[in-house]
Amino acid sequence: MANLVGVAPVTLRAWERRYGLPTPQRGAQGYRLYSDYDVRTLRWLKARTADGMSISRAAEHLMHLRRTGADPVADAAPVERADGTLLLPGMAAPNIMVRSSHGEPLELASLWSTSNIVINFMRHFGCIFCREWLYKFERCVPALRADNILPLVLGIGDAEHALPVATQLAPSAVCLVSPETTAHTAYGITRGSLMQLAGPSVISSVVRAARSGQMQGQTTGDYTMLGGVFAVDMSGVVRYAFYGSHAGDHPEPDTFVASVRSAFRIG
């Protein structure tokens, strides 16, 4: 966020602590979860200080405008994404071409044009960690669909690899495939380092996944890719973004649905 808005981390924390601006939610591990509204708030405050206004006066003025119904940052225009950066809430989601689990080509925009979507980027269809997450994700699907959120699973490989996984682990989600890493790369997902692929955190995740009854399957595509989960609204704007910090990292299922619903401002 500091890189995105051009404000130092220590300053962001000070603004939040002193003025209550912005008001990011907290993830299960305590990390701040910034929304696109938070991004616009920070950029507005930075612009006012650049004009010579003190931050205390800018914060006071913004709160006054909000109370009078004239919020200057209410515009929901997507946040511009710089090349090579992560895809964060408020940014336009890349409209990439993928294939259905039966091999038919389709654009992601054709899916989010009719429904909010949640898309899971699997490392590969044989990944024990991805299988563990899909097993847990399946239990989240009824709540997502009840809120008109379409659950998607995208893996590297082809329909031959996708169908068994989709049928067994996430039968209620729509399974998509990409033969290359193009889709993952478009969403800012990268190849992992040695520590991210075989470090202590990964080893402990193997034990966790095995305890849930999952086993490693056939590797498809590029096994060095990491994973991620994104929520995209019907205007094609990202509302939730999760990047795996290592091969075995995925969202906490107990708070995942609540985080997505909050990102879509449901409930």
Protein backbone atom coordinates (compact mmCIF):
# COMPACT_ATOMS: atom_id res chain seq x y z
CA MET A 1 0.00 0.00 0.00
CA ALA A 2 2.88 2.35 0.76
CA ASN A 3 4.26 1.82 -2.74
CA LEU A 4 0.80 2.14 -4.31
CA VAL A 5 -0.07 5.54 -2.81
CA GLY A 6 3.45 6.91 -2.24
CA VAL A 7 3.16 7.30 1.53
CA ALA A 8 5.65 5.74 3.97
CA PRO A 9 4.40 2.81 6.11
CA VAL A 10 5.10 4.67 9.35
CA THR A 11 2.99 7.58 8.06
CA LEU A 12 0.13 5.28 7.08
CA ARG A 13 0.09 3.82 10.59
CA ALA A 14 0.21 7.30 12.14
CA TRP A 15 -2.75 8.54 10.05
CA GLU A 16 -4.76 5.48 10.98
CA ARG A 17 -3.90 5.77 14.67
CA ARG A 18 -4.41 9.53 15.04
CA TYR A 19 -7.26 10.26 12.64
CA GLY A 20 -8.92 6.91 12.00
CA LEU A 21 -8.14 7.23 8.28
CA PRO A 22 -8.30 4.90 6.56
CA THR A 23 -10.10 2.08 8.39
CA PRO A 24 -8.79 -1.18 6.88
CA GLN A 25 -10.17 -4.49 8.04
CA ARG A 26 -7.88 -7.09 9.59
CA GLY A 27 -7.24 -10.58 8.27
CA ALA A 28 -7.08 -13.69 10.42
CA GLN A 29 -3.36 -13.13 11.04
CA GLY A 30 -3.80 -9.46 11.87
CA TYR A 31 -2.67 -8.05 8.53
CA ARG A 32 -4.42 -4.95 7.22
CA LEU A 33 -6.83 -5.62 4.34
CA TYR A 34 -7.11 -2.39 2.34
CA SER A 35 -10.11 -1.81 0.07
CA ASP A 36 -10.23 0.32 -3.05
CA TYR A 37 -12.09 2.92 -0.95
CA ASP A 38 -9.12 2.98 1.44
CA VAL A 39 -6.79 3.54 -1.52
CA ARG A 40 -8.81 6.49 -2.74
CA THR A 41 -8.96 7.90 0.79
CA LEU A 42 -5.19 7.81 1.14
CA ARG A 43 -4.62 9.35 -2.28
CA TRP A 44 -7.04 12.17 -1.46
CA LEU A 45 -5.29 12.88 1.84
CA LYS A 46 -1.89 12.83 0.17
CA ALA A 47 -3.11 15.25 -2.52
CA ARG A 48 -4.40 17.69 0.11
CA THR A 49 -1.10 17.66 2.00
CA ALA A 50 0.71 18.21 -1.29
CA ASP A 51 -1.49 21.30 -1.75
CA GLY A 52 -0.19 22.64 1.58
CA MET A 53 -2.97 21.52 3.91
CA SER A 54 -1.90 19.90 7.18
CA ILE A 55 -2.86 16.25 7.60
CA SER A 56 -4.96 17.07 10.66
CA ARG A 57 -6.90 19.70 8.71
CA ALA A 58 -7.25 17.37 5.72
CA ALA A 59 -8.58 14.56 7.90
CA GLU A 60 -11.03 16.92 9.61
CA HIS A 61 -12.22 18.28 6.27
CA LEU A 62 -12.72 14.79 4.82
CA MET A 63 -14.78 13.67 7.81
CA HIS A 64 -16.91 16.83 7.51
CA LEU A 65 -17.54 16.14 3.82
CA ARG A 66 -18.53 12.57 4.59
CA ARG A 67 -20.97 13.67 7.27
CA THR A 68 -22.65 16.04 4.82
CA GLY A 69 -22.95 13.35 2.13
CA ALA A 70 -20.32 14.89 -0.14
CA ASP A 71 -17.63 12.21 0.11
CA PRO A 72 -14.93 13.18 -2.42
CA VAL A 73 -13.53 9.65 -2.63
CA ALA A 74 -16.82 7.83 -3.23
CA ASP A 75 -16.12 7.41 -6.94
CA ALA A 76 -15.58 3.70 -7.61
CA ALA A 77 -13.24 4.12 -10.60
CA PRO A 78 -10.60 1.35 -10.66
CA VAL A 79 -7.18 2.13 -9.22
CA GLU A 80 -4.45 2.20 -11.84
CA ARG A 81 -2.03 -0.73 -11.68
CA ALA A 82 1.65 -0.25 -12.37
CA ASP A 83 3.45 -2.85 -14.49
CA GLY A 84 4.85 -5.76 -12.53
CA THR A 85 2.96 -4.98 -9.31
CA LEU A 86 0.52 -7.08 -7.34
CA LEU A 87 -3.16 -6.96 -8.21
CA LEU A 88 -4.82 -5.21 -5.25
CA PRO A 89 -8.41 -4.33 -4.34
CA GLY A 90 -9.65 -1.43 -6.44
CA MET A 91 -7.69 -2.43 -9.53
CA ALA A 92 -9.20 -3.67 -12.80
CA ALA A 93 -9.05 -7.45 -13.13
CA PRO A 94 -7.29 -8.75 -16.26
CA ASN A 95 -9.75 -10.23 -18.74
CA ILE A 96 -7.87 -13.33 -19.79
CA MET A 97 -8.79 -16.18 -22.10
CA VAL A 98 -9.05 -19.57 -20.39
CA ARG A 99 -10.82 -22.87 -21.11
CA SER A 100 -13.65 -24.70 -19.43
CA SER A 101 -13.07 -28.14 -17.96
CA HIS A 102 -14.45 -29.48 -21.25
CA GLY A 103 -12.01 -27.49 -23.37
CA GLU A 104 -14.20 -24.64 -24.61
CA PRO A 105 -12.46 -21.22 -24.72
CA LEU A 106 -13.99 -18.37 -22.73
CA GLU A 107 -13.08 -14.98 -21.29
CA LEU A 108 -13.22 -14.31 -17.57
CA ALA A 109 -15.22 -11.16 -18.32
CA SER A 110 -18.03 -13.34 -19.65
CA LEU A 111 -18.34 -14.77 -16.13
CA TRP A 112 -18.04 -11.62 -14.03
CA SER A 113 -20.42 -9.74 -16.36
CA THR A 114 -23.34 -11.69 -14.87
CA SER A 115 -22.16 -12.35 -11.33
CA ASN A 116 -19.57 -11.44 -8.74
CA ILE A 117 -16.87 -14.12 -8.86
CA VAL A 118 -14.25 -15.70 -6.63
CA ILE A 119 -11.43 -17.29 -8.57
CA ASN A 120 -8.92 -19.70 -7.05
CA PHE A 121 -5.59 -19.95 -8.85
CA MET A 122 -4.26 -23.44 -8.20
CA ARG A 123 -0.54 -24.17 -8.41
CA HIS A 124 -1.31 -27.33 -10.39
CA PHE A 125 -3.99 -29.99 -10.28
CA GLY A 126 -1.81 -32.49 -8.43
CA CYS A 127 -0.72 -30.08 -5.68
CA ILE A 128 -1.51 -31.48 -2.23
CA PHE A 129 -1.96 -27.97 -0.84
CA CYS A 130 -4.35 -26.94 -3.61
CA ARG A 131 -6.35 -30.10 -3.05
CA GLU A 132 -6.50 -29.36 0.65
CA TRP A 133 -7.77 -25.83 -0.03
CA LEU A 134 -10.37 -26.98 -2.56
CA TYR A 135 -11.67 -29.51 -0.05
CA LYS A 136 -12.13 -26.65 2.44
CA PHE A 137 -13.36 -24.22 -0.24
CA GLU A 138 -16.17 -26.59 -1.20
CA ARG A 139 -17.70 -26.03 2.22
CA CYS A 140 -17.69 -22.26 1.54
CA VAL A 141 -19.47 -22.56 -1.81
CA PRO A 142 -23.11 -22.69 -0.58
CA ALA A 143 -22.67 -19.41 1.29
CA LEU A 144 -21.00 -17.79 -1.72
CA ARG A 145 -23.69 -18.92 -4.15
CA ALA A 146 -26.40 -17.71 -1.78
CA ASP A 147 -24.96 -14.22 -2.26
CA ASN A 148 -24.78 -14.58 -6.07
CA ILE A 149 -21.01 -15.10 -5.98
CA LEU A 150 -19.81 -17.56 -8.61
CA PRO A 151 -16.97 -19.81 -7.35
CA LEU A 152 -14.24 -20.57 -9.89
CA VAL A 153 -11.17 -22.81 -9.80
CA LEU A 154 -8.37 -22.25 -12.32
CA GLY A 155 -5.45 -24.65 -12.66
CA ILE A 156 -2.53 -25.10 -15.01
CA GLY A 157 -3.04 -28.11 -17.24
CA ASP A 158 -5.85 -29.38 -19.45
CA ALA A 159 -9.33 -30.85 -19.12
CA GLU A 160 -7.92 -34.33 -18.59
CA HIS A 161 -6.30 -33.17 -15.36
CA ALA A 162 -9.07 -30.80 -14.31
CA LEU A 163 -12.18 -32.97 -14.39
CA PRO A 164 -11.18 -35.53 -11.73
CA VAL A 165 -10.14 -32.80 -9.29
CA ALA A 166 -13.22 -30.69 -9.94
CA THR A 167 -15.53 -33.66 -9.56
CA GLN A 168 -13.95 -34.99 -6.38
CA LEU A 169 -12.89 -31.91 -4.42
CA ALA A 170 -14.90 -28.93 -5.63
CA PRO A 171 -17.93 -30.24 -7.52
CA SER A 172 -19.95 -27.12 -6.70
CA ALA A 173 -17.40 -24.74 -8.27
CA VAL A 174 -16.79 -23.99 -11.94
CA CYS A 175 -13.48 -25.51 -13.01
CA LEU A 176 -11.30 -23.71 -15.57
CA VAL A 177 -7.95 -24.59 -17.09
CA SER A 178 -5.02 -22.75 -18.63
CA PRO A 179 -2.30 -24.72 -20.45
CA GLU A 180 0.34 -22.11 -19.59
CA THR A 181 1.16 -19.79 -16.67
CA THR A 182 -0.17 -16.76 -18.56
CA ALA A 183 -3.30 -16.40 -16.42
CA HIS A 184 -1.39 -16.66 -13.16
CA THR A 185 1.19 -14.13 -14.30
CA ALA A 186 -1.52 -11.68 -15.40
CA TYR A 187 -2.86 -11.70 -11.85
CA GLY A 188 0.56 -11.05 -10.32
CA ILE A 189 1.22 -14.62 -9.19
CA THR A 190 4.90 -15.55 -9.46
CA ARG A 191 7.18 -18.56 -9.21
CA GLY A 192 8.28 -19.32 -5.68
CA SER A 193 11.79 -19.25 -4.30
CA LEU A 194 13.44 -22.36 -2.86
CA MET A 195 12.27 -21.39 0.64
CA GLN A 196 8.72 -20.78 -0.62
CA LEU A 197 8.64 -24.19 -2.30
CA ALA A 198 10.52 -26.36 0.20
CA GLY A 199 11.14 -24.32 3.36
CA PRO A 200 10.03 -25.09 6.92
CA SER A 201 6.59 -23.53 6.42
CA VAL A 202 6.00 -25.78 3.41
CA ILE A 203 7.09 -28.91 5.28
CA SER A 204 4.69 -28.18 8.14
CA SER A 205 1.94 -27.55 5.57
CA VAL A 206 2.51 -31.04 4.13
CA VAL A 207 1.69 -32.51 7.53
CA ARG A 208 -1.39 -30.32 7.84
CA ALA A 209 -2.65 -31.26 4.36
CA ALA A 210 -2.02 -34.96 4.94
CA ARG A 211 -4.02 -34.84 8.15
CA SER A 212 -6.98 -33.54 6.16
CA GLY A 213 -6.81 -36.69 4.04
CA GLN A 214 -5.19 -35.21 0.93
CA MET A 215 -2.40 -36.75 -1.13
CA GLN A 216 -0.02 -35.41 -3.77
CA GLY A 217 -1.19 -36.12 -7.32
CA GLN A 218 0.30 -35.87 -10.78
CA THR A 219 2.12 -32.59 -11.35
CA THR A 220 0.77 -30.56 -14.27
CA GLY A 221 2.10 -27.33 -15.71
CA ASP A 222 4.66 -25.40 -13.67
CA TYR A 223 5.02 -26.72 -10.11
CA THR A 224 7.09 -23.68 -9.08
CA MET A 225 4.11 -21.31 -9.33
CA LEU A 226 2.49 -20.08 -6.14
CA GLY A 227 -1.26 -19.74 -5.62
CA GLY A 228 -3.78 -16.99 -5.02
CA VAL A 229 -7.46 -16.18 -4.57
CA PHE A 230 -9.29 -13.13 -5.96
CA ALA A 231 -12.81 -11.73 -5.78
CA VAL A 232 -13.97 -9.66 -8.76
CA ASP A 233 -17.21 -7.70 -8.96
CA MET A 234 -19.55 -7.37 -11.94
CA SER A 235 -17.75 -4.25 -13.16
CA GLY A 236 -14.49 -6.18 -13.40
CA VAL A 237 -12.85 -4.60 -10.34
CA VAL A 238 -10.89 -6.66 -7.83
CA ARG A 239 -12.43 -6.50 -4.34
CA TYR A 240 -10.36 -9.13 -2.52
CA ALA A 241 -6.86 -10.45 -3.22
CA PHE A 242 -4.89 -13.18 -1.47
CA TYR A 243 -1.37 -14.18 -2.51
CA GLY A 244 0.14 -17.34 -1.07
CA SER A 245 3.34 -16.52 0.80
CA HIS A 246 4.57 -20.07 0.17
CA ALA A 247 3.39 -23.21 -1.61
CA GLY A 248 1.18 -24.34 1.28
CA ASP A 249 -0.37 -20.98 2.10
CA HIS A 250 -4.09 -20.37 1.53
CA PRO A 251 -6.86 -18.29 3.17
CA GLU A 252 -8.30 -19.25 6.53
CA PRO A 253 -11.60 -20.95 5.64
CA ASP A 254 -13.28 -19.81 8.88
CA THR A 255 -12.98 -16.15 7.89
CA PHE A 256 -12.79 -16.42 4.10
CA VAL A 257 -16.49 -16.06 3.32
CA ALA A 258 -16.88 -13.15 5.74
CA SER A 259 -13.92 -11.39 4.13
CA VAL A 260 -15.34 -11.84 0.63
CA ARG A 261 -18.83 -10.71 1.65
CA SER A 262 -17.34 -7.67 3.30
CA ALA A 263 -15.28 -6.93 0.18
CA PHE A 264 -18.48 -6.99 -1.89
CA ARG A 265 -20.25 -5.01 0.88
CA ILE A 266 -22.81 -7.76 1.40
CA GLY A 267 -24.59 -7.92 4.73
